[in-house]
Amino acid sequence: MKKTLIYISVVAMVLAALLPERAFGQFTNTNGAGTMRSTLDNVVDTTEYEIDTTFRRFTPRRFIQGLKHEDSLTLSNVFFPAMILPGTGQIYNGDYWKLPIVYGTLGGSIAGAAIFNKKWKKDGKESDKDLRNVFIWGAVASYWGQLADLTFSFKSYEKPLPARASLYSALLPGLGQAYNGDYWHIPIYYGGFMISGYCWSFNQKQYKRYRRIYREIDEGTYTGHITSENAVWFRDYYRRNRDYSVLATTLIYILNVIDANVFAHFSHFDISDDITFNVQPAVIAPEVPKSGFYTYNPAYNSAKLGFTMDITF
């Protein structure tokens, strides 16, 4: 009983440290009047107050303060800790009602996978193995879902947010491009994935084939016409091509993430198709000093004819 009370007390203290006393947003006063906390009942003029997005070094203390809503964090500073501590992103976003769903599905899937894996090892039934695999994929889907949810629910005035676009494409290739509105990029990347995936599968299949032939030759059970030297050459050849295919798939994935980030940044630039260069006559107004010789000299106070050059890009 005593151990149970101690355990409950520790859990209560942890929850008290993580949960905020009230829901508020932190804003920085651009007029230099200090920091303002606004409850949900107060409306903040966004022309005078804006979210503090200045870069500060990430520390565990800042992360804890962020979970308590006493400090603001960037999306990356919330996302990467949530990869280690699932559910912390929902705490930072204030979506506490999602925590039972995250921990229930993730914990239940892991427990189910462990139970059916134990039964499969004991009885050897394929049905238990299949159920184990289903629960494993359920755990993966739950883990992926909580990361996707925190990325989607993260509040920011910047749209599109480059960090959100990058993480979208990291979670699901092409999703960041859809978020940026660059839909025509998506077929390019999925076409690359299909080609590299086909090469990966083909070379892996051939590698396994010649590896099997080489083993059969070494054991004396092979009845074909391929020599041991040819089997070794083809085995190494297809293994090398398989590795190149894996590398190509990885590079396409990384490029997909970089593409989403870069084009999210570009969306904040005013890009126009109007590129012109105009030269025309103009009257150049005089620049009159406040005092001195040039003030009383008509040669410097009179308007002059000249040319103006306008460049639009």
C-alpha atoms as a PDB file:
ATOM      1  CA  MET A   1       0.000   0.000   0.000  1.00  0.00           C
ATOM      2  CA  LYS A   2       2.837   2.375   0.903  1.00  0.00           C
ATOM      3  CA  LYS A   3       4.587   1.778  -2.446  1.00  0.00           C
ATOM      4  CA  THR A   4       1.308   2.426  -4.272  1.00  0.00           C
ATOM      5  CA  LEU A   5       0.839   5.780  -2.522  1.00  0.00           C
ATOM      6  CA  ILE A   6       4.428   6.770  -3.325  1.00  0.00           C
ATOM      7  CA  TYR A   7       3.903   5.863  -6.975  1.00  0.00           C
ATOM      8  CA  ILE A   8       0.655   7.870  -7.160  1.00  0.00           C
ATOM      9  CA  SER A   9       2.354  10.854  -5.525  1.00  0.00           C
ATOM     10  CA  VAL A  10       5.220  10.808  -8.030  1.00  0.00           C
ATOM     11  CA  VAL A  11       2.801  10.604 -10.967  1.00  0.00           C
ATOM     12  CA  ALA A  12       0.753  13.475  -9.526  1.00  0.00           C
ATOM     13  CA  MET A  13       3.836  15.659  -9.111  1.00  0.00           C
ATOM     14  CA  VAL A  14       4.942  14.954 -12.689  1.00  0.00           C
ATOM     15  CA  LEU A  15       1.486  15.835 -14.036  1.00  0.00           C
ATOM     16  CA  ALA A  16       1.377  18.974 -11.914  1.00  0.00           C
ATOM     17  CA  ALA A  17       4.722  20.028 -13.339  1.00  0.00           C
ATOM     18  CA  LEU A  18       3.673  19.385 -16.944  1.00  0.00           C
ATOM     19  CA  LEU A  19       0.105  20.665 -17.001  1.00  0.00           C
ATOM     20  CA  PRO A  20      -0.305  24.456 -17.015  1.00  0.00           C
ATOM     21  CA  GLU A  21      -2.442  26.324 -14.517  1.00  0.00           C
ATOM     22  CA  ARG A  22      -4.434  27.838 -17.362  1.00  0.00           C
ATOM     23  CA  ALA A  23      -4.348  27.898 -21.141  1.00  0.00           C
ATOM     24  CA  PHE A  24      -2.625  30.984 -22.467  1.00  0.00           C
ATOM     25  CA  GLY A  25      -0.476  32.070 -25.368  1.00  0.00           C
ATOM     26  CA  GLN A  26       2.782  33.938 -24.995  1.00  0.00           C
ATOM     27  CA  PHE A  27       3.300  37.032 -27.081  1.00  0.00           C
ATOM     28  CA  THR A  28       6.108  39.530 -27.399  1.00  0.00           C
ATOM     29  CA  ASN A  29       5.240  43.214 -27.352  1.00  0.00           C
ATOM     30  CA  THR A  30       6.861  44.840 -30.391  1.00  0.00           C
ATOM     31  CA  ASN A  31       6.552  48.263 -28.762  1.00  0.00           C
ATOM     32  CA  GLY A  32       8.966  47.330 -25.987  1.00  0.00           C
ATOM     33  CA  ALA A  33       6.367  47.169 -23.218  1.00  0.00           C
ATOM     34  CA  GLY A  34       7.439  43.711 -22.080  1.00  0.00           C
ATOM     35  CA  THR A  35       5.759  40.304 -22.243  1.00  0.00           C
ATOM     36  CA  MET A  36       2.034  39.723 -22.223  1.00  0.00           C
ATOM     37  CA  ARG A  37       0.083  36.537 -21.466  1.00  0.00           C
ATOM     38  CA  SER A  38      -3.398  36.451 -22.892  1.00  0.00           C
ATOM     39  CA  THR A  39      -6.077  34.071 -21.723  1.00  0.00           C
ATOM     40  CA  LEU A  40      -8.489  32.525 -24.180  1.00  0.00           C
ATOM     41  CA  ASP A  41     -11.073  35.149 -23.208  1.00  0.00           C
ATOM     42  CA  ASN A  42      -8.863  38.061 -24.295  1.00  0.00           C
ATOM     43  CA  VAL A  43      -8.402  39.105 -27.906  1.00  0.00           C
ATOM     44  CA  VAL A  44      -4.883  40.239 -28.765  1.00  0.00           C
ATOM     45  CA  ASP A  45      -4.250  42.785 -31.505  1.00  0.00           C
ATOM     46  CA  THR A  46      -1.842  40.907 -33.782  1.00  0.00           C
ATOM     47  CA  THR A  47      -0.591  44.173 -35.259  1.00  0.00           C
ATOM     48  CA  GLU A  48       0.921  45.069 -31.895  1.00  0.00           C
ATOM     49  CA  TYR A  49       1.767  41.629 -30.520  1.00  0.00           C
ATOM     50  CA  GLU A  50       3.299  38.706 -32.294  1.00  0.00           C
ATOM     51  CA  ILE A  51       4.537  35.277 -31.297  1.00  0.00           C
ATOM     52  CA  ASP A  52       8.161  35.270 -30.202  1.00  0.00           C
ATOM     53  CA  THR A  53       9.991  33.307 -32.896  1.00  0.00           C
ATOM     54  CA  THR A  54      13.512  34.545 -32.198  1.00  0.00           C
ATOM     55  CA  PHE A  55      16.130  31.809 -32.095  1.00  0.00           C
ATOM     56  CA  ARG A  56      17.247  30.706 -28.667  1.00  0.00           C
ATOM     57  CA  ARG A  57      19.309  27.688 -27.764  1.00  0.00           C
ATOM     58  CA  PHE A  58      17.173  24.633 -27.059  1.00  0.00           C
ATOM     59  CA  THR A  59      17.648  23.161 -23.589  1.00  0.00           C
ATOM     60  CA  PRO A  60      15.746  20.546 -21.545  1.00  0.00           C
ATOM     61  CA  ARG A  61      14.676  23.341 -19.226  1.00  0.00           C
ATOM     62  CA  ARG A  62      13.172  25.306 -22.096  1.00  0.00           C
ATOM     63  CA  PHE A  63      11.424  22.160 -23.279  1.00  0.00           C
ATOM     64  CA  ILE A  64       9.833  21.630 -19.852  1.00  0.00           C
ATOM     65  CA  GLN A  65       8.819  25.291 -19.745  1.00  0.00           C
ATOM     66  CA  GLY A  66       7.290  24.868 -23.186  1.00  0.00           C
ATOM     67  CA  LEU A  67       5.233  21.906 -21.991  1.00  0.00           C
ATOM     68  CA  LYS A  68       4.041  24.096 -19.116  1.00  0.00           C
ATOM     69  CA  HIS A  69       3.229  26.859 -21.645  1.00  0.00           C
ATOM     70  CA  GLU A  70       5.658  29.234 -19.982  1.00  0.00           C
ATOM     71  CA  ASP A  71       7.858  29.521 -23.068  1.00  0.00           C
ATOM     72  CA  SER A  72       7.456  29.242 -26.829  1.00  0.00           C
ATOM     73  CA  LEU A  73       9.149  26.502 -28.865  1.00  0.00           C
ATOM     74  CA  THR A  74       9.733  26.031 -32.556  1.00  0.00           C
ATOM     75  CA  LEU A  75       8.087  23.134 -34.351  1.00  0.00           C
ATOM     76  CA  SER A  76      11.366  21.229 -34.649  1.00  0.00           C
ATOM     77  CA  ASN A  77      11.999  21.682 -30.915  1.00  0.00           C
ATOM     78  CA  VAL A  78       8.653  19.996 -30.269  1.00  0.00           C
ATOM     79  CA  PHE A  79       8.835  17.344 -32.995  1.00  0.00           C
ATOM     80  CA  PHE A  80      12.189  15.717 -32.262  1.00  0.00           C
ATOM     81  CA  PRO A  81      11.614  15.267 -28.494  1.00  0.00           C
ATOM     82  CA  ALA A  82       8.210  13.772 -29.353  1.00  0.00           C
ATOM     83  CA  MET A  83      10.042  11.081 -31.323  1.00  0.00           C
ATOM     84  CA  ILE A  84      11.525   9.950 -28.001  1.00  0.00           C
ATOM     85  CA  LEU A  85       8.621  10.914 -25.709  1.00  0.00           C
ATOM     86  CA  PRO A  86       5.362  10.311 -27.607  1.00  0.00           C
ATOM     87  CA  GLY A  87       2.528  12.565 -26.511  1.00  0.00           C
ATOM     88  CA  THR A  88       4.647  15.591 -25.574  1.00  0.00           C
ATOM     89  CA  GLY A  89       3.625  17.309 -28.804  1.00  0.00           C
ATOM     90  CA  GLN A  90      -0.034  17.007 -27.835  1.00  0.00           C
ATOM     91  CA  ILE A  91       0.799  18.460 -24.403  1.00  0.00           C
ATOM     92  CA  TYR A  92       2.540  21.464 -25.964  1.00  0.00           C
ATOM     93  CA  ASN A  93      -0.360  22.029 -28.376  1.00  0.00           C
ATOM     94  CA  GLY A  94      -2.831  21.833 -25.481  1.00  0.00           C
ATOM     95  CA  ASP A  95      -4.639  18.790 -26.943  1.00  0.00           C
ATOM     96  CA  TYR A  96      -4.760  16.860 -23.668  1.00  0.00           C
ATOM     97  CA  TRP A  97      -7.821  14.864 -24.719  1.00  0.00           C
ATOM     98  CA  LYS A  98      -5.682  13.144 -27.381  1.00  0.00           C
ATOM     99  CA  LEU A  99      -3.258  11.683 -24.819  1.00  0.00           C
ATOM    100  CA  PRO A 100      -5.470   8.692 -23.877  1.00  0.00           C
ATOM    101  CA  ILE A 101      -5.827   7.900 -27.586  1.00  0.00           C
ATOM    102  CA  VAL A 102      -2.061   8.110 -28.199  1.00  0.00           C
ATOM    103  CA  TYR A 103      -1.049   6.065 -25.165  1.00  0.00           C
ATOM    104  CA  GLY A 104      -3.989   3.663 -25.472  1.00  0.00           C
ATOM    105  CA  THR A 105      -3.361   2.732 -29.109  1.00  0.00           C
ATOM    106  CA  LEU A 106       0.428   2.715 -28.788  1.00  0.00           C
ATOM    107  CA  GLY A 107       0.532   0.789 -25.510  1.00  0.00           C
ATOM    108  CA  GLY A 108      -2.228  -1.597 -26.563  1.00  0.00           C
ATOM    109  CA  SER A 109      -0.528  -2.372 -29.866  1.00  0.00           C
ATOM    110  CA  ILE A 110       2.818  -3.023 -28.200  1.00  0.00           C
ATOM    111  CA  ALA A 111       1.195  -5.267 -25.579  1.00  0.00           C
ATOM    112  CA  GLY A 112      -0.763  -7.168 -28.226  1.00  0.00           C
ATOM    113  CA  ALA A 113       2.356  -7.690 -30.329  1.00  0.00           C
ATOM    114  CA  ALA A 114       4.236  -9.031 -27.299  1.00  0.00           C
ATOM    115  CA  ILE A 115       1.400 -11.414 -26.341  1.00  0.00           C
ATOM    116  CA  PHE A 116       0.919 -12.909 -29.795  1.00  0.00           C
ATOM    117  CA  ASN A 117       4.663 -13.111 -30.399  1.00  0.00           C
ATOM    118  CA  LYS A 118       4.970 -15.198 -27.248  1.00  0.00           C
ATOM    119  CA  LYS A 119       2.089 -17.425 -28.341  1.00  0.00           C
ATOM    120  CA  TRP A 120       3.574 -17.857 -31.819  1.00  0.00           C
ATOM    121  CA  LYS A 121       6.943 -18.904 -30.415  1.00  0.00           C
ATOM    122  CA  LYS A 122       5.198 -21.375 -28.111  1.00  0.00           C
ATOM    123  CA  ASP A 123       2.643 -22.931 -30.505  1.00  0.00           C
ATOM    124  CA  GLY A 124       4.084 -22.022 -33.904  1.00  0.00           C
ATOM    125  CA  LYS A 125       0.681 -21.028 -35.352  1.00  0.00           C
ATOM    126  CA  GLU A 126       0.788 -18.785 -38.378  1.00  0.00           C
ATOM    127  CA  SER A 127      -2.388 -17.028 -37.212  1.00  0.00           C
ATOM    128  CA  ASP A 128      -0.592 -15.857 -34.071  1.00  0.00           C
ATOM    129  CA  LYS A 129       2.303 -14.622 -36.207  1.00  0.00           C
ATOM    130  CA  ASP A 130      -0.097 -12.702 -38.463  1.00  0.00           C
ATOM    131  CA  LEU A 131      -1.814 -11.095 -35.465  1.00  0.00           C
ATOM    132  CA  ARG A 132       1.579 -10.156 -34.044  1.00  0.00           C
ATOM    133  CA  ASN A 133       2.440  -8.412 -37.304  1.00  0.00           C
ATOM    134  CA  VAL A 134      -0.907  -6.589 -37.286  1.00  0.00           C
ATOM    135  CA  PHE A 135      -0.251  -5.242 -33.790  1.00  0.00           C
ATOM    136  CA  ILE A 136       3.293  -4.209 -34.781  1.00  0.00           C
ATOM    137  CA  TRP A 137       1.936  -2.201 -37.698  1.00  0.00           C
ATOM    138  CA  GLY A 138      -0.687  -0.763 -35.368  1.00  0.00           C
ATOM    139  CA  ALA A 139       2.056   0.474 -33.042  1.00  0.00           C
ATOM    140  CA  VAL A 140       3.914   1.991 -35.993  1.00  0.00           C
ATOM    141  CA  ALA A 141       0.731   3.704 -37.210  1.00  0.00           C
ATOM    142  CA  SER A 142       0.003   5.079 -33.734  1.00  0.00           C
ATOM    143  CA  TYR A 143       3.546   6.400 -33.359  1.00  0.00           C
ATOM    144  CA  TRP A 144       3.415   7.968 -36.824  1.00  0.00           C
ATOM    145  CA  GLY A 145      -0.032   9.411 -36.133  1.00  0.00           C
ATOM    146  CA  GLN A 146       0.984  11.297 -33.008  1.00  0.00           C
ATOM    147  CA  LEU A 147       3.889  12.894 -34.892  1.00  0.00           C
ATOM    148  CA  ALA A 148       1.645  13.847 -37.806  1.00  0.00           C
ATOM    149  CA  ASP A 149      -0.979  15.221 -35.425  1.00  0.00           C
ATOM    150  CA  LEU A 150       1.426  17.475 -33.530  1.00  0.00           C
ATOM    151  CA  THR A 151       2.834  18.783 -36.819  1.00  0.00           C
ATOM    152  CA  PHE A 152      -0.647  19.564 -38.127  1.00  0.00           C
ATOM    153  CA  SER A 153      -1.907  21.109 -34.866  1.00  0.00           C
ATOM    154  CA  PHE A 154       1.159  23.270 -34.188  1.00  0.00           C
ATOM    155  CA  LYS A 155       0.036  26.914 -34.130  1.00  0.00           C
ATOM    156  CA  SER A 156       1.932  29.452 -36.205  1.00  0.00           C
ATOM    157  CA  TYR A 157       1.126  32.701 -37.986  1.00  0.00           C
ATOM    158  CA  GLU A 158       3.605  31.882 -40.771  1.00  0.00           C
ATOM    159  CA  LYS A 159       1.899  30.126 -43.675  1.00  0.00           C
ATOM    160  CA  PRO A 160       3.295  28.073 -45.189  1.00  0.00           C
ATOM    161  CA  LEU A 161       5.630  27.236 -42.340  1.00  0.00           C
ATOM    162  CA  PRO A 162       8.880  25.767 -43.781  1.00  0.00           C
ATOM    163  CA  ALA A 163       9.408  23.436 -40.803  1.00  0.00           C
ATOM    164  CA  ARG A 164       5.880  22.063 -41.185  1.00  0.00           C
ATOM    165  CA  ALA A 165       6.394  21.492 -44.910  1.00  0.00           C
ATOM    166  CA  SER A 166       9.672  19.652 -44.257  1.00  0.00           C
ATOM    167  CA  LEU A 167       8.202  17.416 -41.563  1.00  0.00           C
ATOM    168  CA  TYR A 168       5.142  16.679 -43.680  1.00  0.00           C
ATOM    169  CA  SER A 169       7.394  15.405 -46.477  1.00  0.00           C
ATOM    170  CA  ALA A 170       9.509  13.486 -43.968  1.00  0.00           C
ATOM    171  CA  LEU A 171       6.403  11.744 -42.592  1.00  0.00           C
ATOM    172  CA  LEU A 172       4.833  11.147 -46.009  1.00  0.00           C
ATOM    173  CA  PRO A 173       6.720  12.030 -49.223  1.00  0.00           C
ATOM    174  CA  GLY A 174       4.745  14.513 -51.278  1.00  0.00           C
ATOM    175  CA  LEU A 175       2.635  15.782 -48.384  1.00  0.00           C
ATOM    176  CA  GLY A 176       4.856  18.839 -47.928  1.00  0.00           C
ATOM    177  CA  GLN A 177       4.541  19.640 -51.634  1.00  0.00           C
ATOM    178  CA  ALA A 178       0.761  19.420 -51.319  1.00  0.00           C
ATOM    179  CA  TYR A 179       0.918  21.732 -48.290  1.00  0.00           C
ATOM    180  CA  ASN A 180       2.907  24.273 -50.351  1.00  0.00           C
ATOM    181  CA  GLY A 181       0.525  23.936 -53.292  1.00  0.00           C
ATOM    182  CA  ASP A 182       3.239  22.481 -55.555  1.00  0.00           C
ATOM    183  CA  TYR A 183       1.175  19.497 -56.643  1.00  0.00           C
ATOM    184  CA  TRP A 184       3.097  19.014 -59.878  1.00  0.00           C
ATOM    185  CA  HIS A 185       6.188  18.022 -57.844  1.00  0.00           C
ATOM    186  CA  ILE A 186       4.441  14.973 -56.387  1.00  0.00           C
ATOM    187  CA  PRO A 187       4.377  12.772 -59.551  1.00  0.00           C
ATOM    188  CA  ILE A 188       8.077  13.480 -60.098  1.00  0.00           C
ATOM    189  CA  TYR A 189       9.094  12.142 -56.696  1.00  0.00           C
ATOM    190  CA  TYR A 190       6.750   9.173 -56.749  1.00  0.00           C
ATOM    191  CA  GLY A 191       7.962   8.342 -60.239  1.00  0.00           C
ATOM    192  CA  GLY A 192      11.508   8.369 -58.866  1.00  0.00           C
ATOM    193  CA  PHE A 193      10.452   6.147 -55.962  1.00  0.00           C
ATOM    194  CA  MET A 194       8.798   3.684 -58.350  1.00  0.00           C
ATOM    195  CA  ILE A 195      11.852   3.454 -60.623  1.00  0.00           C
ATOM    196  CA  SER A 196      14.360   3.121 -57.780  1.00  0.00           C
ATOM    197  CA  GLY A 197      12.053   0.690 -55.975  1.00  0.00           C
ATOM    198  CA  TYR A 198      11.778  -1.509 -59.068  1.00  0.00           C
ATOM    199  CA  CYS A 199      15.574  -1.509 -59.516  1.00  0.00           C
ATOM    200  CA  TRP A 200      15.965  -2.299 -55.824  1.00  0.00           C
ATOM    201  CA  SER A 201      13.581  -5.255 -56.026  1.00  0.00           C
ATOM    202  CA  PHE A 202      15.009  -6.612 -59.298  1.00  0.00           C
ATOM    203  CA  ASN A 203      18.644  -6.447 -58.171  1.00  0.00           C
ATOM    204  CA  GLN A 204      17.811  -7.947 -54.773  1.00  0.00           C
ATOM    205  CA  LYS A 205      16.045 -10.861 -56.471  1.00  0.00           C
ATOM    206  CA  GLN A 206      18.977 -11.519 -58.806  1.00  0.00           C
ATOM    207  CA  TYR A 207      21.468 -11.176 -55.956  1.00  0.00           C
ATOM    208  CA  LYS A 208      19.644 -13.831 -53.942  1.00  0.00           C
ATOM    209  CA  ARG A 209      19.485 -16.077 -57.010  1.00  0.00           C
ATOM    210  CA  TYR A 210      23.237 -16.059 -57.699  1.00  0.00           C
ATOM    211  CA  ARG A 211      24.044 -16.268 -54.011  1.00  0.00           C
ATOM    212  CA  ARG A 212      21.936 -19.444 -53.849  1.00  0.00           C
ATOM    213  CA  ILE A 213      23.639 -20.841 -56.965  1.00  0.00           C
ATOM    214  CA  TYR A 214      27.077 -20.180 -55.495  1.00  0.00           C
ATOM    215  CA  ARG A 215      26.111 -21.987 -52.269  1.00  0.00           C
ATOM    216  CA  GLU A 216      24.769 -24.948 -54.236  1.00  0.00           C
ATOM    217  CA  ILE A 217      27.994 -25.107 -56.269  1.00  0.00           C
ATOM    218  CA  ASP A 218      30.015 -25.010 -53.063  1.00  0.00           C
ATOM    219  CA  GLU A 219      27.880 -27.790 -51.563  1.00  0.00           C
ATOM    220  CA  GLY A 220      27.979 -29.876 -54.763  1.00  0.00           C
ATOM    221  CA  THR A 221      24.199 -29.884 -55.315  1.00  0.00           C
ATOM    222  CA  TYR A 222      24.065 -27.516 -58.312  1.00  0.00           C
ATOM    223  CA  THR A 223      23.212 -29.103 -61.682  1.00  0.00           C
ATOM    224  CA  GLY A 224      23.231 -26.000 -63.954  1.00  0.00           C
ATOM    225  CA  HIS A 225      25.825 -24.638 -66.350  1.00  0.00           C
ATOM    226  CA  ILE A 226      26.949 -21.553 -64.362  1.00  0.00           C
ATOM    227  CA  THR A 227      30.482 -21.765 -63.018  1.00  0.00           C
ATOM    228  CA  SER A 228      31.540 -20.756 -59.549  1.00  0.00           C
ATOM    229  CA  GLU A 229      33.474 -17.726 -60.870  1.00  0.00           C
ATOM    230  CA  ASN A 230      30.450 -16.513 -62.856  1.00  0.00           C
ATOM    231  CA  ALA A 231      28.171 -16.979 -59.851  1.00  0.00           C
ATOM    232  CA  VAL A 232      30.490 -14.870 -57.672  1.00  0.00           C
ATOM    233  CA  TRP A 233      30.758 -12.150 -60.335  1.00  0.00           C
ATOM    234  CA  PHE A 234      26.996 -11.895 -60.893  1.00  0.00           C
ATOM    235  CA  ARG A 235      26.318 -12.058 -57.136  1.00  0.00           C
ATOM    236  CA  ASP A 236      28.606  -9.115 -56.449  1.00  0.00           C
ATOM    237  CA  TYR A 237      27.343  -7.233 -59.508  1.00  0.00           C
ATOM    238  CA  TYR A 238      23.668  -7.374 -58.491  1.00  0.00           C
ATOM    239  CA  ARG A 239      24.502  -6.691 -54.849  1.00  0.00           C
ATOM    240  CA  ARG A 240      26.345  -3.535 -55.873  1.00  0.00           C
ATOM    241  CA  ASN A 241      23.438  -2.420 -58.072  1.00  0.00           C
ATOM    242  CA  ARG A 242      21.015  -3.118 -55.216  1.00  0.00           C
ATOM    243  CA  ASP A 243      23.068  -0.888 -52.928  1.00  0.00           C
ATOM    244  CA  TYR A 244      23.023   1.857 -55.551  1.00  0.00           C
ATOM    245  CA  SER A 245      19.247   1.519 -55.779  1.00  0.00           C
ATOM    246  CA  VAL A 246      18.923   1.872 -52.003  1.00  0.00           C
ATOM    247  CA  LEU A 247      21.145   4.954 -52.134  1.00  0.00           C
ATOM    248  CA  ALA A 248      19.051   6.429 -54.959  1.00  0.00           C
ATOM    249  CA  THR A 249      15.851   5.873 -52.968  1.00  0.00           C
ATOM    250  CA  THR A 250      17.388   7.580 -49.940  1.00  0.00           C
ATOM    251  CA  LEU A 251      18.552  10.557 -52.010  1.00  0.00           C
ATOM    252  CA  ILE A 252      15.095  10.985 -53.558  1.00  0.00           C
ATOM    253  CA  TYR A 253      13.553  10.943 -50.087  1.00  0.00           C
ATOM    254  CA  ILE A 254      16.022  13.568 -48.787  1.00  0.00           C
ATOM    255  CA  LEU A 255      15.517  15.713 -51.900  1.00  0.00           C
ATOM    256  CA  ASN A 256      11.762  15.536 -51.346  1.00  0.00           C
ATOM    257  CA  VAL A 257      12.200  16.967 -47.827  1.00  0.00           C
ATOM    258  CA  ILE A 258      14.598  19.692 -49.005  1.00  0.00           C
ATOM    259  CA  ASP A 259      12.266  20.603 -51.864  1.00  0.00           C
ATOM    260  CA  ALA A 260       9.351  21.126 -49.465  1.00  0.00           C
ATOM    261  CA  ASN A 261      11.451  23.345 -47.199  1.00  0.00           C
ATOM    262  CA  VAL A 262      12.965  25.461 -49.980  1.00  0.00           C
ATOM    263  CA  PHE A 263       9.697  26.106 -51.811  1.00  0.00           C
ATOM    264  CA  ALA A 264       7.978  26.958 -48.530  1.00  0.00           C
ATOM    265  CA  HIS A 265      10.625  29.653 -48.061  1.00  0.00           C
ATOM    266  CA  PHE A 266      10.185  30.818 -51.668  1.00  0.00           C
ATOM    267  CA  SER A 267       6.453  31.291 -51.141  1.00  0.00           C
ATOM    268  CA  HIS A 268       7.238  34.344 -48.995  1.00  0.00           C
ATOM    269  CA  PHE A 269       8.986  36.125 -51.871  1.00  0.00           C
ATOM    270  CA  ASP A 270       7.126  38.338 -54.335  1.00  0.00           C
ATOM    271  CA  ILE A 271       7.965  36.678 -57.639  1.00  0.00           C
ATOM    272  CA  SER A 272       6.533  38.363 -60.753  1.00  0.00           C
ATOM    273  CA  ASP A 273       6.762  37.510 -64.437  1.00  0.00           C
ATOM    274  CA  ASP A 274       7.048  41.233 -65.243  1.00  0.00           C
ATOM    275  CA  ILE A 275      10.755  41.764 -66.064  1.00  0.00           C
ATOM    276  CA  THR A 276      11.211  45.114 -67.846  1.00  0.00           C
ATOM    277  CA  PHE A 277      13.844  47.803 -68.416  1.00  0.00           C
ATOM    278  CA  ASN A 278      12.608  51.277 -69.384  1.00  0.00           C
ATOM    279  CA  VAL A 279      14.582  54.426 -70.267  1.00  0.00           C
ATOM    280  CA  GLN A 280      12.721  57.728 -70.730  1.00  0.00           C
ATOM    281  CA  PRO A 281      13.339  61.493 -70.493  1.00  0.00           C
ATOM    282  CA  ALA A 282      12.704  63.168 -67.182  1.00  0.00           C
ATOM    283  CA  VAL A 283      13.117  66.422 -65.297  1.00  0.00           C
ATOM    284  CA  ILE A 284      15.646  66.095 -62.500  1.00  0.00           C
ATOM    285  CA  ALA A 285      14.733  68.201 -59.481  1.00  0.00           C
ATOM    286  CA  PRO A 286      17.590  70.127 -57.838  1.00  0.00           C
ATOM    287  CA  GLU A 287      18.974  69.075 -54.493  1.00  0.00           C
ATOM    288  CA  VAL A 288      19.268  72.300 -52.494  1.00  0.00           C
ATOM    289  CA  PRO A 289      21.613  72.339 -49.464  1.00  0.00           C
ATOM    290  CA  LYS A 290      20.456  74.055 -46.292  1.00  0.00           C
ATOM    291  CA  SER A 291      23.247  76.588 -46.405  1.00  0.00           C
ATOM    292  CA  GLY A 292      26.502  77.420 -48.156  1.00  0.00           C
ATOM    293  CA  PHE A 293      27.675  78.551 -51.539  1.00  0.00           C
ATOM    294  CA  TYR A 294      25.422  76.165 -53.515  1.00  0.00           C
ATOM    295  CA  THR A 295      22.274  77.644 -51.946  1.00  0.00           C
ATOM    296  CA  TYR A 296      22.733  80.954 -53.787  1.00  0.00           C
ATOM    297  CA  ASN A 297      24.167  79.605 -57.017  1.00  0.00           C
ATOM    298  CA  PRO A 298      21.479  79.340 -59.771  1.00  0.00           C
ATOM    299  CA  ALA A 299      23.521  76.709 -61.574  1.00  0.00           C
ATOM    300  CA  TYR A 300      22.921  74.284 -58.744  1.00  0.00           C
ATOM    301  CA  ASN A 301      19.331  75.309 -57.892  1.00  0.00           C
ATOM    302  CA  SER A 302      17.770  74.976 -61.339  1.00  0.00           C
ATOM    303  CA  ALA A 303      16.019  71.872 -62.644  1.00  0.00           C
ATOM    304  CA  LYS A 304      17.740  69.872 -65.373  1.00  0.00           C
ATOM    305  CA  LEU A 305      16.698  67.525 -68.131  1.00  0.00           C
ATOM    306  CA  GLY A 306      17.928  63.966 -68.030  1.00  0.00           C
ATOM    307  CA  PHE A 307      16.908  60.322 -68.290  1.00  0.00           C
ATOM    308  CA  THR A 308      15.383  57.870 -65.832  1.00  0.00           C
ATOM    309  CA  MET A 309      15.934  54.115 -65.898  1.00  0.00           C
ATOM    310  CA  ASP A 310      13.288  51.806 -64.412  1.00  0.00           C
ATOM    311  CA  ILE A 311      14.125  48.134 -63.823  1.00  0.00           C
ATOM    312  CA  THR A 312      11.323  45.776 -62.798  1.00  0.00           C
ATOM    313  CA  PHE A 313      12.198  42.203 -61.751  1.00  0.00           C
END
